[in-house]
Amino acid sequence: MSAQIFEDIAEFAATLPMMKSIAGLDFGDKTIGVAVSDRFRTISSSAMTVRRKKFTLDAEELIKVFDEREIGGVVLGLPRNMDGSEGPRCQKTRAFARNLSQLIEQPITYWDERLSTVAAERVMLEADMSRAKRAEKIDQVAAGLILQGALDRLGHLKTQA
């Protein structure tokens, strides 16, 4: 079992099974934010935050979510620098994707996540969320924004086809 990793979202889209949700992941040093789409792949919903322990435990928890939610593909936020270059955080994210791809069958793609955490913070401030609640939810809200961006792009690709 080994999943394919796609740099191009159009190639990723071509491999997705019909009527299956997509998971969005915001991979961080301490947590992994998780969001899940509806089966029509139009709406992203924040699902949970995985507190990172070690890769095998983190992967087990994600795989459980993928199975329960019938996930057909995974979108992983890629934290590029503002100039578009890739630094150490991108390398860690790509290594995580390679390791995860050895354990799952779902295709994986990347989504440029520049400013997703800033946008998530803004959304939660506008919702008048307490500082403690924001700290608890920031990664899953960021995952939701990453996934929604990818879903919007997938929808646009479908209307072009």
N, C-alpha and C. Protein backbone atom coordinates (compact mmCIF):
# COMPACT_ATOMS: atom_id res chain seq x y z
N MET A 1 0.85 -1.18 0.00
CA MET A 1 0.00 0.00 0.00
C MET A 1 0.89 1.23 0.00
N SER A 2 0.67 2.09 -0.96
CA SER A 2 1.42 3.33 -1.03
C SER A 2 0.63 4.34 -1.85
N ALA A 3 0.38 5.48 -1.25
CA ALA A 3 -0.39 6.52 -1.93
C ALA A 3 0.52 7.33 -2.84
N GLN A 4 -0.09 7.89 -3.87
CA GLN A 4 0.65 8.80 -4.75
C GLN A 4 0.59 10.20 -4.16
N ILE A 5 1.68 10.95 -4.34
CA ILE A 5 1.72 12.35 -3.93
C ILE A 5 1.79 13.19 -5.19
N PHE A 6 0.87 14.14 -5.31
CA PHE A 6 0.78 14.98 -6.50
C PHE A 6 1.14 16.42 -6.18
N GLU A 7 2.00 17.01 -7.01
CA GLU A 7 2.29 18.43 -6.89
C GLU A 7 1.17 19.23 -7.57
N ASP A 8 0.60 18.67 -8.63
CA ASP A 8 -0.43 19.35 -9.42
C ASP A 8 -1.82 18.91 -8.96
N ILE A 9 -2.64 19.87 -8.57
CA ILE A 9 -3.96 19.54 -8.03
C ILE A 9 -4.89 18.95 -9.10
N ALA A 10 -4.67 19.30 -10.36
CA ALA A 10 -5.49 18.73 -11.44
C ALA A 10 -5.22 17.23 -11.57
N GLU A 11 -3.97 16.83 -11.45
CA GLU A 11 -3.62 15.40 -11.50
C GLU A 11 -4.20 14.68 -10.29
N PHE A 12 -4.14 15.32 -9.12
CA PHE A 12 -4.73 14.78 -7.89
C PHE A 12 -6.23 14.57 -8.11
N ALA A 13 -6.91 15.58 -8.68
CA ALA A 13 -8.36 15.53 -8.90
C ALA A 13 -8.75 14.34 -9.77
N ALA A 14 -7.92 14.04 -10.75
CA ALA A 14 -8.23 12.95 -11.69
C ALA A 14 -8.20 11.57 -11.01
N THR A 15 -7.57 11.47 -9.85
CA THR A 15 -7.46 10.18 -9.17
C THR A 15 -8.50 10.00 -8.06
N LEU A 16 -9.27 11.04 -7.77
CA LEU A 16 -10.20 10.97 -6.64
C LEU A 16 -11.41 10.11 -6.93
N PRO A 17 -11.79 9.23 -6.00
CA PRO A 17 -13.00 8.42 -6.18
C PRO A 17 -14.25 9.30 -6.05
N MET A 18 -15.31 8.91 -6.71
CA MET A 18 -16.56 9.68 -6.67
C MET A 18 -17.18 9.62 -5.27
N MET A 19 -17.84 10.70 -4.90
CA MET A 19 -18.64 10.78 -3.67
C MET A 19 -17.87 10.40 -2.40
N LYS A 20 -16.62 10.75 -2.35
CA LYS A 20 -15.84 10.56 -1.13
C LYS A 20 -15.34 11.92 -0.67
N SER A 21 -15.28 12.10 0.63
CA SER A 21 -14.81 13.36 1.21
C SER A 21 -13.30 13.49 1.04
N ILE A 22 -12.82 14.70 1.26
CA ILE A 22 -11.39 14.98 1.24
C ILE A 22 -11.02 15.53 2.62
N ALA A 23 -9.85 15.15 3.11
CA ALA A 23 -9.34 15.69 4.37
C ALA A 23 -8.32 16.77 4.07
N GLY A 24 -8.33 17.82 4.87
CA GLY A 24 -7.32 18.87 4.81
C GLY A 24 -6.50 18.82 6.08
N LEU A 25 -5.19 18.91 5.96
CA LEU A 25 -4.32 18.85 7.13
C LEU A 25 -3.43 20.09 7.21
N ASP A 26 -3.38 20.67 8.41
CA ASP A 26 -2.44 21.75 8.72
C ASP A 26 -1.40 21.15 9.65
N PHE A 27 -0.26 20.78 9.07
CA PHE A 27 0.80 20.07 9.79
C PHE A 27 1.70 21.06 10.51
N GLY A 28 1.77 20.93 11.84
CA GLY A 28 2.62 21.81 12.63
C GLY A 28 3.56 21.02 13.51
N ASP A 29 4.41 21.73 14.24
CA ASP A 29 5.38 21.06 15.10
C ASP A 29 4.72 20.35 16.28
N LYS A 30 3.64 20.94 16.82
CA LYS A 30 3.00 20.38 18.01
C LYS A 30 1.66 19.73 17.73
N THR A 31 1.00 20.16 16.66
CA THR A 31 -0.34 19.65 16.36
C THR A 31 -0.54 19.47 14.86
N ILE A 32 -1.58 18.73 14.52
CA ILE A 32 -2.03 18.61 13.13
C ILE A 32 -3.51 18.97 13.13
N GLY A 33 -3.84 20.08 12.48
CA GLY A 33 -5.24 20.46 12.35
C GLY A 33 -5.86 19.62 11.25
N VAL A 34 -7.11 19.17 11.47
CA VAL A 34 -7.79 18.32 10.51
C VAL A 34 -9.14 18.93 10.15
N ALA A 35 -9.41 18.99 8.85
CA ALA A 35 -10.71 19.42 8.35
C ALA A 35 -11.19 18.38 7.35
N VAL A 36 -12.50 18.30 7.16
CA VAL A 36 -13.07 17.30 6.27
C VAL A 36 -14.13 17.97 5.40
N SER A 37 -14.19 17.56 4.13
CA SER A 37 -15.21 18.11 3.23
C SER A 37 -16.47 17.24 3.26
N ASP A 38 -17.54 17.78 2.69
CA ASP A 38 -18.73 16.97 2.44
C ASP A 38 -18.43 16.07 1.25
N ARG A 39 -19.32 15.12 0.97
CA ARG A 39 -19.09 14.16 -0.13
C ARG A 39 -19.11 14.83 -1.50
N PHE A 40 -19.76 15.99 -1.61
CA PHE A 40 -19.81 16.70 -2.90
C PHE A 40 -18.58 17.59 -3.09
N ARG A 41 -17.75 17.66 -2.05
CA ARG A 41 -16.50 18.43 -2.09
C ARG A 41 -16.72 19.91 -2.34
N THR A 42 -17.71 20.47 -1.64
CA THR A 42 -17.97 21.90 -1.78
C THR A 42 -17.68 22.66 -0.49
N ILE A 43 -17.89 22.03 0.66
CA ILE A 43 -17.77 22.73 1.95
C ILE A 43 -16.78 22.02 2.85
N SER A 44 -15.90 22.81 3.44
CA SER A 44 -14.91 22.31 4.38
C SER A 44 -15.40 22.58 5.80
N SER A 45 -15.26 21.59 6.66
CA SER A 45 -15.60 21.76 8.08
C SER A 45 -14.41 21.36 8.94
N SER A 46 -14.06 22.23 9.88
CA SER A 46 -13.01 21.89 10.83
C SER A 46 -13.45 20.67 11.62
N ALA A 47 -12.56 19.70 11.78
CA ALA A 47 -12.94 18.45 12.44
C ALA A 47 -12.28 18.27 13.81
N MET A 48 -10.97 18.40 13.86
CA MET A 48 -10.27 18.10 15.11
C MET A 48 -8.82 18.56 15.04
N THR A 49 -8.15 18.49 16.19
CA THR A 49 -6.72 18.75 16.26
C THR A 49 -6.06 17.52 16.86
N VAL A 50 -5.05 17.01 16.19
CA VAL A 50 -4.27 15.88 16.69
C VAL A 50 -3.05 16.45 17.39
N ARG A 51 -2.90 16.15 18.67
CA ARG A 51 -1.70 16.55 19.42
C ARG A 51 -0.58 15.60 19.02
N ARG A 52 0.47 16.14 18.44
CA ARG A 52 1.54 15.28 17.94
C ARG A 52 2.31 14.62 19.07
N LYS A 53 2.58 13.34 18.88
CA LYS A 53 3.38 12.57 19.84
C LYS A 53 4.59 12.05 19.08
N LYS A 54 4.38 11.00 18.28
CA LYS A 54 5.42 10.54 17.35
C LYS A 54 4.69 10.09 16.10
N PHE A 55 5.42 9.98 15.01
CA PHE A 55 4.78 9.76 13.72
C PHE A 55 3.79 8.60 13.70
N THR A 56 4.20 7.44 14.23
CA THR A 56 3.33 6.26 14.14
C THR A 56 2.00 6.48 14.86
N LEU A 57 2.05 7.14 16.02
CA LEU A 57 0.81 7.42 16.76
C LEU A 57 -0.04 8.46 16.05
N ASP A 58 0.61 9.50 15.53
CA ASP A 58 -0.10 10.55 14.79
C ASP A 58 -0.78 9.93 13.56
N ALA A 59 -0.04 9.10 12.82
CA ALA A 59 -0.58 8.47 11.62
C ALA A 59 -1.75 7.56 11.95
N GLU A 60 -1.64 6.80 13.04
CA GLU A 60 -2.75 5.93 13.46
C GLU A 60 -4.03 6.73 13.69
N GLU A 61 -3.88 7.86 14.37
CA GLU A 61 -5.05 8.70 14.66
C GLU A 61 -5.65 9.26 13.36
N LEU A 62 -4.80 9.70 12.45
CA LEU A 62 -5.28 10.23 11.17
C LEU A 62 -5.97 9.13 10.35
N ILE A 63 -5.37 7.95 10.30
CA ILE A 63 -5.93 6.84 9.52
C ILE A 63 -7.31 6.47 10.07
N LYS A 64 -7.46 6.52 11.38
CA LYS A 64 -8.76 6.23 12.00
C LYS A 64 -9.81 7.24 11.50
N VAL A 65 -9.43 8.51 11.46
CA VAL A 65 -10.34 9.56 10.96
C VAL A 65 -10.64 9.32 9.48
N PHE A 66 -9.61 9.00 8.69
CA PHE A 66 -9.79 8.77 7.26
C PHE A 66 -10.78 7.63 7.02
N ASP A 67 -10.66 6.57 7.82
CA ASP A 67 -11.57 5.42 7.68
C ASP A 67 -12.99 5.76 8.11
N GLU A 68 -13.13 6.40 9.28
CA GLU A 68 -14.45 6.76 9.80
C GLU A 68 -15.19 7.71 8.87
N ARG A 69 -14.46 8.66 8.28
CA ARG A 69 -15.08 9.69 7.44
C ARG A 69 -15.08 9.33 5.96
N GLU A 70 -14.61 8.13 5.63
CA GLU A 70 -14.53 7.68 4.23
C GLU A 70 -13.84 8.70 3.34
N ILE A 71 -12.60 9.00 3.70
CA ILE A 71 -11.80 10.00 3.00
C ILE A 71 -11.24 9.41 1.71
N GLY A 72 -11.39 10.16 0.61
CA GLY A 72 -10.90 9.71 -0.69
C GLY A 72 -9.61 10.36 -1.13
N GLY A 73 -9.18 11.42 -0.43
CA GLY A 73 -7.95 12.13 -0.78
C GLY A 73 -7.55 13.05 0.35
N VAL A 74 -6.27 13.46 0.35
CA VAL A 74 -5.74 14.29 1.43
C VAL A 74 -5.05 15.52 0.83
N VAL A 75 -5.41 16.69 1.37
CA VAL A 75 -4.77 17.95 0.98
C VAL A 75 -3.94 18.41 2.17
N LEU A 76 -2.66 18.58 1.95
CA LEU A 76 -1.73 18.95 3.02
C LEU A 76 -1.24 20.37 2.77
N GLY A 77 -1.45 21.24 3.76
CA GLY A 77 -0.98 22.62 3.63
C GLY A 77 0.53 22.66 3.53
N LEU A 78 1.04 23.40 2.55
CA LEU A 78 2.49 23.53 2.35
C LEU A 78 2.90 24.95 2.74
N PRO A 79 3.64 25.09 3.85
CA PRO A 79 3.96 26.42 4.38
C PRO A 79 5.14 27.10 3.68
N ARG A 80 4.88 27.57 2.47
CA ARG A 80 5.93 28.27 1.71
C ARG A 80 6.25 29.61 2.39
N ASN A 81 7.45 30.12 2.10
CA ASN A 81 7.82 31.46 2.55
C ASN A 81 7.04 32.47 1.71
N MET A 82 6.98 33.70 2.18
CA MET A 82 6.19 34.72 1.47
C MET A 82 6.69 34.94 0.04
N ASP A 83 7.97 34.70 -0.22
CA ASP A 83 8.51 34.87 -1.58
C ASP A 83 8.28 33.62 -2.45
N GLY A 84 7.59 32.61 -1.90
CA GLY A 84 7.29 31.40 -2.66
C GLY A 84 8.33 30.30 -2.51
N SER A 85 9.45 30.62 -1.88
CA SER A 85 10.49 29.60 -1.69
C SER A 85 10.08 28.62 -0.59
N GLU A 86 10.79 27.51 -0.54
CA GLU A 86 10.50 26.49 0.47
C GLU A 86 11.63 26.41 1.48
N GLY A 87 11.27 26.51 2.75
CA GLY A 87 12.25 26.44 3.83
C GLY A 87 12.14 25.13 4.59
N PRO A 88 12.70 25.09 5.80
CA PRO A 88 12.69 23.88 6.63
C PRO A 88 11.28 23.36 6.94
N ARG A 89 10.31 24.24 7.13
CA ARG A 89 8.95 23.79 7.44
C ARG A 89 8.34 23.03 6.26
N CYS A 90 8.63 23.47 5.05
CA CYS A 90 8.16 22.75 3.85
C CYS A 90 8.82 21.37 3.78
N GLN A 91 10.11 21.32 4.08
CA GLN A 91 10.82 20.03 4.05
C GLN A 91 10.21 19.05 5.05
N LYS A 92 9.87 19.54 6.26
CA LYS A 92 9.24 18.69 7.27
C LYS A 92 7.87 18.20 6.79
N THR A 93 7.12 19.09 6.15
CA THR A 93 5.79 18.74 5.65
C THR A 93 5.90 17.70 4.55
N ARG A 94 6.83 17.88 3.63
CA ARG A 94 7.02 16.91 2.55
C ARG A 94 7.47 15.54 3.10
N ALA A 95 8.32 15.55 4.12
CA ALA A 95 8.77 14.29 4.75
C ALA A 95 7.57 13.60 5.41
N PHE A 96 6.72 14.39 6.07
CA PHE A 96 5.52 13.82 6.69
C PHE A 96 4.63 13.19 5.62
N ALA A 97 4.45 13.88 4.49
CA ALA A 97 3.62 13.35 3.39
C ALA A 97 4.21 12.05 2.86
N ARG A 98 5.52 12.00 2.66
CA ARG A 98 6.16 10.77 2.17
C ARG A 98 5.93 9.61 3.14
N ASN A 99 6.10 9.88 4.43
CA ASN A 99 5.90 8.83 5.43
C ASN A 99 4.44 8.38 5.49
N LEU A 100 3.52 9.34 5.46
CA LEU A 100 2.10 9.02 5.50
C LEU A 100 1.68 8.24 4.27
N SER A 101 2.25 8.59 3.12
CA SER A 101 1.89 7.93 1.86
C SER A 101 2.22 6.44 1.88
N GLN A 102 3.15 6.03 2.73
CA GLN A 102 3.51 4.61 2.85
C GLN A 102 2.45 3.81 3.61
N LEU A 103 1.55 4.52 4.32
CA LEU A 103 0.57 3.86 5.19
C LEU A 103 -0.87 3.97 4.70
N ILE A 104 -1.11 4.83 3.72
CA ILE A 104 -2.49 5.04 3.25
C ILE A 104 -2.58 4.79 1.75
N GLU A 105 -3.81 4.64 1.26
CA GLU A 105 -4.04 4.47 -0.18
C GLU A 105 -4.51 5.77 -0.83
N GLN A 106 -5.05 6.69 -0.05
CA GLN A 106 -5.59 7.93 -0.60
C GLN A 106 -4.48 8.80 -1.20
N PRO A 107 -4.77 9.38 -2.37
CA PRO A 107 -3.79 10.30 -2.96
C PRO A 107 -3.61 11.54 -2.09
N ILE A 108 -2.44 12.12 -2.16
CA ILE A 108 -2.10 13.31 -1.38
C ILE A 108 -1.68 14.42 -2.33
N THR A 109 -2.10 15.64 -2.04
CA THR A 109 -1.61 16.80 -2.78
C THR A 109 -1.29 17.90 -1.78
N TYR A 110 -0.60 18.93 -2.26
CA TYR A 110 -0.24 20.06 -1.41
C TYR A 110 -1.08 21.28 -1.80
N TRP A 111 -1.29 22.16 -0.81
CA TRP A 111 -1.98 23.42 -1.07
C TRP A 111 -1.17 24.51 -0.38
N ASP A 112 -0.86 25.56 -1.12
CA ASP A 112 -0.09 26.68 -0.59
C ASP A 112 -0.87 27.29 0.58
N GLU A 113 -0.29 27.23 1.76
CA GLU A 113 -1.02 27.68 2.94
C GLU A 113 -0.54 29.02 3.47
N ARG A 114 0.19 29.79 2.66
CA ARG A 114 0.65 31.09 3.15
C ARG A 114 -0.53 31.88 3.71
N LEU A 115 -0.37 32.40 4.88
CA LEU A 115 -1.35 33.24 5.57
C LEU A 115 -2.60 32.53 6.06
N SER A 116 -2.67 31.19 5.96
CA SER A 116 -3.87 30.50 6.44
C SER A 116 -4.05 30.65 7.95
N THR A 117 -2.94 30.62 8.69
CA THR A 117 -3.05 30.77 10.15
C THR A 117 -3.46 32.20 10.50
N VAL A 118 -2.94 33.18 9.76
CA VAL A 118 -3.33 34.58 9.97
C VAL A 118 -4.83 34.74 9.70
N ALA A 119 -5.29 34.15 8.59
CA ALA A 119 -6.72 34.23 8.25
C ALA A 119 -7.57 33.52 9.30
N ALA A 120 -7.10 32.38 9.79
CA ALA A 120 -7.84 31.63 10.82
C ALA A 120 -7.96 32.47 12.09
N GLU A 121 -6.87 33.12 12.47
CA GLU A 121 -6.88 33.98 13.66
C GLU A 121 -7.90 35.11 13.49
N ARG A 122 -7.91 35.70 12.30
CA ARG A 122 -8.85 36.80 12.02
C ARG A 122 -10.30 36.33 12.13
N VAL A 123 -10.59 35.15 11.55
CA VAL A 123 -11.95 34.60 11.60
C VAL A 123 -12.38 34.40 13.05
N MET A 124 -11.48 33.87 13.87
CA MET A 124 -11.83 33.59 15.27
C MET A 124 -11.94 34.87 16.09
N LEU A 125 -11.14 35.88 15.77
CA LEU A 125 -11.27 37.17 16.45
C LEU A 125 -12.62 37.80 16.13
N GLU A 126 -13.01 37.73 14.86
CA GLU A 126 -14.30 38.28 14.44
C GLU A 126 -15.46 37.54 15.10
N ALA A 127 -15.24 36.26 15.43
CA ALA A 127 -16.26 35.47 16.12
C ALA A 127 -16.21 35.72 17.64
N ASP A 128 -15.33 36.63 18.06
CA ASP A 128 -15.20 37.01 19.46
C ASP A 128 -14.85 35.82 20.35
N MET A 129 -13.96 34.96 19.82
CA MET A 129 -13.54 33.78 20.55
C MET A 129 -12.45 34.15 21.57
N SER A 130 -12.49 33.56 22.74
CA SER A 130 -11.49 33.84 23.78
C SER A 130 -10.11 33.38 23.31
N ARG A 131 -9.08 33.95 23.92
CA ARG A 131 -7.70 33.60 23.57
C ARG A 131 -7.45 32.10 23.76
N ALA A 132 -7.94 31.54 24.87
CA ALA A 132 -7.75 30.11 25.14
C ALA A 132 -8.44 29.26 24.08
N LYS A 133 -9.65 29.64 23.71
CA LYS A 133 -10.41 28.89 22.70
C LYS A 133 -9.71 29.00 21.33
N ARG A 134 -9.19 30.20 21.02
CA ARG A 134 -8.48 30.39 19.75
C ARG A 134 -7.25 29.50 19.69
N ALA A 135 -6.49 29.43 20.79
CA ALA A 135 -5.28 28.61 20.84
C ALA A 135 -5.62 27.14 20.61
N GLU A 136 -6.75 26.72 21.14
CA GLU A 136 -7.19 25.33 21.03
C GLU A 136 -7.66 24.98 19.61
N LYS A 137 -8.25 25.96 18.92
CA LYS A 137 -8.90 25.70 17.63
C LYS A 137 -8.12 26.17 16.40
N ILE A 138 -7.04 26.93 16.59
CA ILE A 138 -6.37 27.60 15.46
C ILE A 138 -5.97 26.63 14.35
N ASP A 139 -5.42 25.47 14.70
CA ASP A 139 -4.91 24.55 13.68
C ASP A 139 -6.04 23.91 12.87
N GLN A 140 -7.15 23.56 13.52
CA GLN A 140 -8.23 22.96 12.75
C GLN A 140 -8.95 24.01 11.90
N VAL A 141 -9.00 25.26 12.36
CA VAL A 141 -9.59 26.32 11.53
C VAL A 141 -8.69 26.59 10.33
N ALA A 142 -7.37 26.61 10.56
CA ALA A 142 -6.41 26.78 9.45
C ALA A 142 -6.55 25.62 8.46
N ALA A 143 -6.72 24.39 8.96
CA ALA A 143 -6.92 23.23 8.08
C ALA A 143 -8.18 23.41 7.25
N GLY A 144 -9.22 23.96 7.88
CA GLY A 144 -10.47 24.22 7.16
C GLY A 144 -10.28 25.22 6.03
N LEU A 145 -9.49 26.26 6.27
CA LEU A 145 -9.22 27.26 5.23
C LEU A 145 -8.37 26.68 4.11
N ILE A 146 -7.38 25.86 4.47
CA ILE A 146 -6.54 25.18 3.46
C ILE A 146 -7.42 24.31 2.58
N LEU A 147 -8.26 23.49 3.22
CA LEU A 147 -9.13 22.58 2.47
C LEU A 147 -10.12 23.35 1.62
N GLN A 148 -10.70 24.44 2.14
CA GLN A 148 -11.67 25.19 1.36
C GLN A 148 -11.03 25.80 0.11
N GLY A 149 -9.79 26.27 0.25
CA GLY A 149 -9.08 26.79 -0.92
C GLY A 149 -8.91 25.71 -1.99
N ALA A 150 -8.53 24.52 -1.56
CA ALA A 150 -8.35 23.40 -2.50
C ALA A 150 -9.69 22.98 -3.11
N LEU A 151 -10.75 22.94 -2.28
CA LEU A 151 -12.08 22.57 -2.80
C LEU A 151 -12.56 23.58 -3.85
N ASP A 152 -12.33 24.86 -3.59
CA ASP A 152 -12.72 25.89 -4.55
C ASP A 152 -11.97 25.69 -5.88
N ARG A 153 -10.70 25.37 -5.80
CA ARG A 153 -9.90 25.11 -7.00
C ARG A 153 -10.40 23.87 -7.73
N LEU A 154 -10.70 22.80 -6.99
CA LEU A 154 -11.24 21.57 -7.59
C LEU A 154 -12.57 21.85 -8.28
N GLY A 155 -13.41 22.65 -7.65
CA GLY A 155 -14.69 23.02 -8.24
C GLY A 155 -14.50 23.80 -9.53
N HIS A 156 -13.54 24.70 -9.53
CA HIS A 156 -13.22 25.49 -10.73
C HIS A 156 -12.71 24.60 -11.84
N LEU A 157 -11.88 23.62 -11.51
CA LEU A 157 -11.36 22.68 -12.52
C LEU A 157 -12.50 21.87 -13.12
N LYS A 158 -13.48 21.49 -12.27
CA LYS A 158 -14.60 20.69 -12.75
C LYS A 158 -15.48 21.49 -13.72
N THR A 159 -15.68 22.78 -13.45
CA THR A 159 -16.52 23.60 -14.35
C THR A 159 -15.80 23.88 -15.66
N GLN A 160 -14.48 23.86 -15.64
CA GLN A 160 -13.71 24.06 -16.88
C GLN A 160 -13.74 22.83 -17.77
N ALA A 161 -13.90 21.67 -17.17
CA ALA A 161 -13.82 20.40 -17.92
C ALA A 161 -15.03 20.16 -18.81
